[in-house]
Amino acid sequence: MAYAQDMLDKLQSNKDKDGNELILEQTKGTFTGSAIGLFLGLYFAHKRNSNLVIGAFIGAALGGLVTRVFIAQKK
């Protein structure tokens, strides 16, 4: 029951926010996902002895895209 109440409270708090605040939250989440993807891409590129710059770029891009998709689905 507490989980349902938390969801209702979150929906109510999102209704009270304006568009700029919601966009700012989404951007912060996407940035965090990109940073995590960047480090994971660096790690995998290092382990496979491939180009670190390409690995970091691909990891950041995938991390940002995946995070953006999950943030968009939460609405």
PDB file of N, CA and C in Angstrom:
ATOM      1  N   MET A   1       0.819  -1.188   0.000  1.00  0.00           N
ATOM      2  CA  MET A   1       0.000   0.000   0.000  1.00  0.00           C
ATOM      3  C   MET A   1       0.863   1.252   0.000  1.00  0.00           C
ATOM      4  N   ALA A   2       1.999   1.189   0.681  1.00  0.00           N
ATOM      5  CA  ALA A   2       2.871   2.359   0.747  1.00  0.00           C
ATOM      6  C   ALA A   2       3.439   2.677  -0.633  1.00  0.00           C
ATOM      7  N   TYR A   3       3.664   1.665  -1.433  1.00  0.00           N
ATOM      8  CA  TYR A   3       4.197   1.879  -2.775  1.00  0.00           C
ATOM      9  C   TYR A   3       3.202   2.663  -3.629  1.00  0.00           C
ATOM     10  N   ALA A   4       1.942   2.300  -3.557  1.00  0.00           N
ATOM     11  CA  ALA A   4       0.914   3.005  -4.324  1.00  0.00           C
ATOM     12  C   ALA A   4       0.791   4.455  -3.862  1.00  0.00           C
ATOM     13  N   GLN A   5       0.870   4.679  -2.576  1.00  0.00           N
ATOM     14  CA  GLN A   5       0.790   6.042  -2.051  1.00  0.00           C
ATOM     15  C   GLN A   5       1.992   6.869  -2.505  1.00  0.00           C
ATOM     16  N   ASP A   6       3.171   6.257  -2.545  1.00  0.00           N
ATOM     17  CA  ASP A   6       4.355   6.965  -3.035  1.00  0.00           C
ATOM     18  C   ASP A   6       4.187   7.364  -4.499  1.00  0.00           C
ATOM     19  N   MET A   7       3.616   6.474  -5.298  1.00  0.00           N
ATOM     20  CA  MET A   7       3.394   6.788  -6.708  1.00  0.00           C
ATOM     21  C   MET A   7       2.404   7.938  -6.867  1.00  0.00           C
ATOM     22  N   LEU A   8       1.341   7.929  -6.076  1.00  0.00           N
ATOM     23  CA  LEU A   8       0.364   9.017  -6.144  1.00  0.00           C
ATOM     24  C   LEU A   8       0.975  10.343  -5.710  1.00  0.00           C
ATOM     25  N   ASP A   9       1.823  10.312  -4.680  1.00  0.00           N
ATOM     26  CA  ASP A   9       2.496  11.533  -4.237  1.00  0.00           C
ATOM     27  C   ASP A   9       3.432  12.062  -5.314  1.00  0.00           C
ATOM     28  N   LYS A  10       4.135  11.172  -6.002  1.00  0.00           N
ATOM     29  CA  LYS A  10       5.048  11.587  -7.064  1.00  0.00           C
ATOM     30  C   LYS A  10       4.273  12.196  -8.230  1.00  0.00           C
ATOM     31  N   LEU A  11       3.140  11.604  -8.578  1.00  0.00           N
ATOM     32  CA  LEU A  11       2.313  12.169  -9.640  1.00  0.00           C
ATOM     33  C   LEU A  11       1.819  13.561  -9.272  1.00  0.00           C
ATOM     34  N   GLN A  12       1.428  13.729  -8.031  1.00  0.00           N
ATOM     35  CA  GLN A  12       0.949  15.033  -7.583  1.00  0.00           C
ATOM     36  C   GLN A  12       2.071  16.067  -7.618  1.00  0.00           C
ATOM     37  N   SER A  13       3.281  15.669  -7.216  1.00  0.00           N
ATOM     38  CA  SER A  13       4.397  16.613  -7.228  1.00  0.00           C
ATOM     39  C   SER A  13       4.779  16.982  -8.660  1.00  0.00           C
ATOM     40  N   ASN A  14       4.642  16.048  -9.618  1.00  0.00           N
ATOM     41  CA  ASN A  14       4.933  16.356 -11.012  1.00  0.00           C
ATOM     42  C   ASN A  14       3.890  17.300 -11.606  1.00  0.00           C
ATOM     43  N   LYS A  15       2.655  17.238 -11.137  1.00  0.00           N
ATOM     44  CA  LYS A  15       1.625  18.156 -11.619  1.00  0.00           C
ATOM     45  C   LYS A  15       1.917  19.582 -11.171  1.00  0.00           C
ATOM     46  N   ASP A  16       2.517  19.729  -9.991  1.00  0.00           N
ATOM     47  CA  ASP A  16       2.798  21.052  -9.461  1.00  0.00           C
ATOM     48  C   ASP A  16       3.997  21.720 -10.127  1.00  0.00           C
ATOM     49  N   LYS A  17       4.834  20.959 -10.823  1.00  0.00           N
ATOM     50  CA  LYS A  17       6.040  21.504 -11.450  1.00  0.00           C
ATOM     51  C   LYS A  17       5.706  22.089 -12.815  1.00  0.00           C
ATOM     52  N   ASP A  18       6.464  23.112 -13.201  1.00  0.00           N
ATOM     53  CA  ASP A  18       6.278  23.646 -14.541  1.00  0.00           C
ATOM     54  C   ASP A  18       7.158  22.879 -15.531  1.00  0.00           C
ATOM     55  N   GLY A  19       7.040  23.199 -16.802  1.00  0.00           N
ATOM     56  CA  GLY A  19       7.741  22.465 -17.848  1.00  0.00           C
ATOM     57  C   GLY A  19       9.252  22.557 -17.738  1.00  0.00           C
ATOM     58  N   ASN A  20       9.772  23.720 -17.317  1.00  0.00           N
ATOM     59  CA  ASN A  20      11.217  23.883 -17.220  1.00  0.00           C
ATOM     60  C   ASN A  20      11.822  22.970 -16.160  1.00  0.00           C
ATOM     61  N   GLU A  21      11.135  22.799 -15.053  1.00  0.00           N
ATOM     62  CA  GLU A  21      11.649  21.920 -13.998  1.00  0.00           C
ATOM     63  C   GLU A  21      11.673  20.468 -14.445  1.00  0.00           C
ATOM     64  N   LEU A  22      10.647  20.052 -15.164  1.00  0.00           N
ATOM     65  CA  LEU A  22      10.616  18.669 -15.652  1.00  0.00           C
ATOM     66  C   LEU A  22      11.714  18.420 -16.676  1.00  0.00           C
ATOM     67  N   ILE A  23      11.937  19.392 -17.568  1.00  0.00           N
ATOM     68  CA  ILE A  23      13.004  19.249 -18.561  1.00  0.00           C
ATOM     69  C   ILE A  23      14.355  19.213 -17.873  1.00  0.00           C
ATOM     70  N   LEU A  24      14.533  20.027 -16.842  1.00  0.00           N
ATOM     71  CA  LEU A  24      15.792  20.040 -16.098  1.00  0.00           C
ATOM     72  C   LEU A  24      16.050  18.698 -15.422  1.00  0.00           C
ATOM     73  N   GLU A  25      15.021  18.096 -14.837  1.00  0.00           N
ATOM     74  CA  GLU A  25      15.171  16.771 -14.217  1.00  0.00           C
ATOM     75  C   GLU A  25      15.537  15.719 -15.259  1.00  0.00           C
ATOM     76  N   GLN A  26      14.892  15.761 -16.419  1.00  0.00           N
ATOM     77  CA  GLN A  26      15.193  14.791 -17.470  1.00  0.00           C
ATOM     78  C   GLN A  26      16.613  14.964 -17.978  1.00  0.00           C
ATOM     79  N   THR A  27      17.055  16.207 -18.105  1.00  0.00           N
ATOM     80  CA  THR A  27      18.409  16.460 -18.588  1.00  0.00           C
ATOM     81  C   THR A  27      19.445  15.979 -17.591  1.00  0.00           C
ATOM     82  N   LYS A  28      19.201  16.206 -16.303  1.00  0.00           N
ATOM     83  CA  LYS A  28      20.129  15.723 -15.277  1.00  0.00           C
ATOM     84  C   LYS A  28      20.206  14.197 -15.292  1.00  0.00           C
ATOM     85  N   GLY A  29      19.067  13.544 -15.456  1.00  0.00           N
ATOM     86  CA  GLY A  29      19.056  12.090 -15.520  1.00  0.00           C
ATOM     87  C   GLY A  29      19.783  11.560 -16.743  1.00  0.00           C
ATOM     88  N   THR A  30      19.596  12.214 -17.875  1.00  0.00           N
ATOM     89  CA  THR A  30      20.271  11.795 -19.095  1.00  0.00           C
ATOM     90  C   THR A  30      21.775  12.002 -18.976  1.00  0.00           C
ATOM     91  N   PHE A  31      22.177  13.105 -18.370  1.00  0.00           N
ATOM     92  CA  PHE A  31      23.602  13.369 -18.173  1.00  0.00           C
ATOM     93  C   PHE A  31      24.232  12.301 -17.280  1.00  0.00           C
ATOM     94  N   THR A  32      23.545  11.930 -16.222  1.00  0.00           N
ATOM     95  CA  THR A  32      24.062  10.888 -15.330  1.00  0.00           C
ATOM     96  C   THR A  32      24.175   9.554 -16.059  1.00  0.00           C
ATOM     97  N   GLY A  33      23.165   9.205 -16.840  1.00  0.00           N
ATOM     98  CA  GLY A  33      23.213   7.971 -17.621  1.00  0.00           C
ATOM     99  C   GLY A  33      24.344   7.981 -18.635  1.00  0.00           C
ATOM    100  N   SER A  34      24.582   9.138 -19.247  1.00  0.00           N
ATOM    101  CA  SER A  34      25.682   9.254 -20.206  1.00  0.00           C
ATOM    102  C   SER A  34      27.033   9.097 -19.527  1.00  0.00           C
ATOM    103  N   ALA A  35      27.162   9.663 -18.323  1.00  0.00           N
ATOM    104  CA  ALA A  35      28.424   9.539 -17.594  1.00  0.00           C
ATOM    105  C   ALA A  35      28.691   8.085 -17.215  1.00  0.00           C
ATOM    106  N   ILE A  36      27.666   7.385 -16.770  1.00  0.00           N
ATOM    107  CA  ILE A  36      27.832   5.973 -16.427  1.00  0.00           C
ATOM    108  C   ILE A  36      28.186   5.171 -17.677  1.00  0.00           C
ATOM    109  N   GLY A  37      27.506   5.453 -18.795  1.00  0.00           N
ATOM    110  CA  GLY A  37      27.808   4.775 -20.049  1.00  0.00           C
ATOM    111  C   GLY A  37      29.215   5.059 -20.533  1.00  0.00           C
ATOM    112  N   LEU A  38      29.689   6.287 -20.328  1.00  0.00           N
ATOM    113  CA  LEU A  38      31.048   6.650 -20.716  1.00  0.00           C
ATOM    114  C   LEU A  38      32.069   5.790 -19.985  1.00  0.00           C
ATOM    115  N   PHE A  39      31.915   5.668 -18.684  1.00  0.00           N
ATOM    116  CA  PHE A  39      32.865   4.875 -17.910  1.00  0.00           C
ATOM    117  C   PHE A  39      32.769   3.391 -18.230  1.00  0.00           C
ATOM    118  N   LEU A  40      31.570   2.899 -18.470  1.00  0.00           N
ATOM    119  CA  LEU A  40      31.436   1.496 -18.866  1.00  0.00           C
ATOM    120  C   LEU A  40      32.053   1.261 -20.239  1.00  0.00           C
ATOM    121  N   GLY A  41      31.866   2.214 -21.162  1.00  0.00           N
ATOM    122  CA  GLY A  41      32.483   2.106 -22.479  1.00  0.00           C
ATOM    123  C   GLY A  41      34.003   2.118 -22.395  1.00  0.00           C
ATOM    124  N   LEU A  42      34.550   2.977 -21.533  1.00  0.00           N
ATOM    125  CA  LEU A  42      36.000   2.997 -21.324  1.00  0.00           C
ATOM    126  C   LEU A  42      36.498   1.670 -20.770  1.00  0.00           C
ATOM    127  N   TYR A  43      35.756   1.128 -19.818  1.00  0.00           N
ATOM    128  CA  TYR A  43      36.144  -0.143 -19.203  1.00  0.00           C
ATOM    129  C   TYR A  43      36.179  -1.267 -20.237  1.00  0.00           C
ATOM    130  N   PHE A  44      35.090  -1.383 -21.028  1.00  0.00           N
ATOM    131  CA  PHE A  44      35.042  -2.460 -22.011  1.00  0.00           C
ATOM    132  C   PHE A  44      36.074  -2.270 -23.109  1.00  0.00           C
ATOM    133  N   ALA A  45      36.304  -1.027 -23.513  1.00  0.00           N
ATOM    134  CA  ALA A  45      37.323  -0.780 -24.546  1.00  0.00           C
ATOM    135  C   ALA A  45      38.715  -1.119 -24.015  1.00  0.00           C
ATOM    136  N   HIS A  46      38.965  -0.814 -22.761  1.00  0.00           N
ATOM    137  CA  HIS A  46      40.265  -1.135 -22.166  1.00  0.00           C
ATOM    138  C   HIS A  46      40.461  -2.649 -22.062  1.00  0.00           C
ATOM    139  N   LYS A  47      39.418  -3.352 -21.645  1.00  0.00           N
ATOM    140  CA  LYS A  47      39.512  -4.805 -21.513  1.00  0.00           C
ATOM    141  C   LYS A  47      39.710  -5.498 -22.857  1.00  0.00           C
ATOM    142  N   ARG A  48      39.144  -4.930 -23.919  1.00  0.00           N
ATOM    143  CA  ARG A  48      39.243  -5.546 -25.245  1.00  0.00           C
ATOM    144  C   ARG A  48      40.420  -5.004 -26.048  1.00  0.00           C
ATOM    145  N   ASN A  49      41.221  -4.111 -25.439  1.00  0.00           N
ATOM    146  CA  ASN A  49      42.379  -3.492 -26.097  1.00  0.00           C
ATOM    147  C   ASN A  49      41.986  -2.796 -27.402  1.00  0.00           C
ATOM    148  N   SER A  50      40.884  -2.065 -27.365  1.00  0.00           N
ATOM    149  CA  SER A  50      40.462  -1.300 -28.535  1.00  0.00           C
ATOM    150  C   SER A  50      40.569   0.193 -28.232  1.00  0.00           C
ATOM    151  N   ASN A  51      40.176   1.029 -29.171  1.00  0.00           N
ATOM    152  CA  ASN A  51      40.308   2.473 -29.039  1.00  0.00           C
ATOM    153  C   ASN A  51      39.441   2.985 -27.887  1.00  0.00           C
ATOM    154  N   LEU A  52      40.066   3.669 -26.923  1.00  0.00           N
ATOM    155  CA  LEU A  52      39.347   4.147 -25.742  1.00  0.00           C
ATOM    156  C   LEU A  52      38.389   5.289 -26.077  1.00  0.00           C
ATOM    157  N   VAL A  53      38.774   6.145 -27.001  1.00  0.00           N
ATOM    158  CA  VAL A  53      37.918   7.278 -27.347  1.00  0.00           C
ATOM    159  C   VAL A  53      36.623   6.794 -27.994  1.00  0.00           C
ATOM    160  N   ILE A  54      36.737   5.862 -28.905  1.00  0.00           N
ATOM    161  CA  ILE A  54      35.545   5.306 -29.564  1.00  0.00           C
ATOM    162  C   ILE A  54      34.679   4.567 -28.546  1.00  0.00           C
ATOM    163  N   GLY A  55      35.310   3.790 -27.673  1.00  0.00           N
ATOM    164  CA  GLY A  55      34.562   3.074 -26.639  1.00  0.00           C
ATOM    165  C   GLY A  55      33.833   4.019 -25.703  1.00  0.00           C
ATOM    166  N   ALA A  56      34.489   5.119 -25.319  1.00  0.00           N
ATOM    167  CA  ALA A  56      33.866   6.096 -24.430  1.00  0.00           C
ATOM    168  C   ALA A  56      32.698   6.792 -25.132  1.00  0.00           C
ATOM    169  N   PHE A  57      32.893   7.145 -26.405  1.00  0.00           N
ATOM    170  CA  PHE A  57      31.828   7.819 -27.148  1.00  0.00           C
ATOM    171  C   PHE A  57      30.609   6.924 -27.312  1.00  0.00           C
ATOM    172  N   ILE A  58      30.834   5.685 -27.708  1.00  0.00           N
ATOM    173  CA  ILE A  58      29.714   4.753 -27.893  1.00  0.00           C
ATOM    174  C   ILE A  58      29.020   4.474 -26.566  1.00  0.00           C
ATOM    175  N   GLY A  59      29.792   4.297 -25.498  1.00  0.00           N
ATOM    176  CA  GLY A  59      29.199   4.060 -24.185  1.00  0.00           C
ATOM    177  C   GLY A  59      28.365   5.229 -23.706  1.00  0.00           C
ATOM    178  N   ALA A  60      28.864   6.454 -23.908  1.00  0.00           N
ATOM    179  CA  ALA A  60      28.113   7.637 -23.485  1.00  0.00           C
ATOM    180  C   ALA A  60      26.834   7.791 -24.300  1.00  0.00           C
ATOM    181  N   ALA A  61      26.926   7.545 -25.593  1.00  0.00           N
ATOM    182  CA  ALA A  61      25.742   7.666 -26.450  1.00  0.00           C
ATOM    183  C   ALA A  61      24.684   6.631 -26.066  1.00  0.00           C
ATOM    184  N   LEU A  62      25.104   5.399 -25.882  1.00  0.00           N
ATOM    185  CA  LEU A  62      24.145   4.355 -25.496  1.00  0.00           C
ATOM    186  C   LEU A  62      23.567   4.607 -24.104  1.00  0.00           C
ATOM    187  N   GLY A  63      24.407   5.029 -23.178  1.00  0.00           N
ATOM    188  CA  GLY A  63      23.924   5.326 -21.829  1.00  0.00           C
ATOM    189  C   GLY A  63      22.902   6.451 -21.832  1.00  0.00           C
ATOM    190  N   GLY A  64      23.165   7.495 -22.610  1.00  0.00           N
ATOM    191  CA  GLY A  64      22.222   8.606 -22.705  1.00  0.00           C
ATOM    192  C   GLY A  64      20.911   8.203 -23.351  1.00  0.00           C
ATOM    193  N   LEU A  65      20.992   7.415 -24.427  1.00  0.00           N
ATOM    194  CA  LEU A  65      19.771   6.978 -25.105  1.00  0.00           C
ATOM    195  C   LEU A  65      18.918   6.070 -24.225  1.00  0.00           C
ATOM    196  N   VAL A  66      19.567   5.124 -23.571  1.00  0.00           N
ATOM    197  CA  VAL A  66      18.820   4.197 -22.711  1.00  0.00           C
ATOM    198  C   VAL A  66      18.171   4.954 -21.550  1.00  0.00           C
ATOM    199  N   THR A  67      18.919   5.861 -20.959  1.00  0.00           N
ATOM    200  CA  THR A  67      18.367   6.638 -19.853  1.00  0.00           C
ATOM    201  C   THR A  67      17.204   7.497 -20.326  1.00  0.00           C
ATOM    202  N   ARG A  68      17.347   8.097 -21.491  1.00  0.00           N
ATOM    203  CA  ARG A  68      16.281   8.952 -22.029  1.00  0.00           C
ATOM    204  C   ARG A  68      15.009   8.142 -22.288  1.00  0.00           C
ATOM    205  N   VAL A  69      15.167   6.929 -22.786  1.00  0.00           N
ATOM    206  CA  VAL A  69      14.000   6.075 -23.045  1.00  0.00           C
ATOM    207  C   VAL A  69      13.314   5.719 -21.727  1.00  0.00           C
ATOM    208  N   PHE A  70      14.091   5.358 -20.700  1.00  0.00           N
ATOM    209  CA  PHE A  70      13.481   5.009 -19.421  1.00  0.00           C
ATOM    210  C   PHE A  70      12.838   6.204 -18.756  1.00  0.00           C
ATOM    211  N   ILE A  71      13.425   7.382 -18.877  1.00  0.00           N
ATOM    212  CA  ILE A  71      12.829   8.580 -18.278  1.00  0.00           C
ATOM    213  C   ILE A  71      11.524   8.915 -18.991  1.00  0.00           C
ATOM    214  N   ALA A  72      11.488   8.786 -20.300  1.00  0.00           N
ATOM    215  CA  ALA A  72      10.270   9.083 -21.054  1.00  0.00           C
ATOM    216  C   ALA A  72       9.151   8.094 -20.719  1.00  0.00           C
ATOM    217  N   GLN A  73       9.475   6.851 -20.416  1.00  0.00           N
ATOM    218  CA  GLN A  73       8.445   5.862 -20.113  1.00  0.00           C
ATOM    219  C   GLN A  73       7.840   6.036 -18.733  1.00  0.00           C
ATOM    220  N   LYS A  74       8.521   6.742 -17.837  1.00  0.00           N
ATOM    221  CA  LYS A  74       8.015   6.893 -16.485  1.00  0.00           C
ATOM    222  C   LYS A  74       6.811   7.816 -16.407  1.00  0.00           C
ATOM    223  N   LYS A  75       6.595   8.660 -17.404  1.00  0.00           N
ATOM    224  CA  LYS A  75       5.485   9.623 -17.364  1.00  0.00           C
ATOM    225  C   LYS A  75       4.158   8.981 -17.391  1.00  0.00           C
TER     226      LYS A  75
END
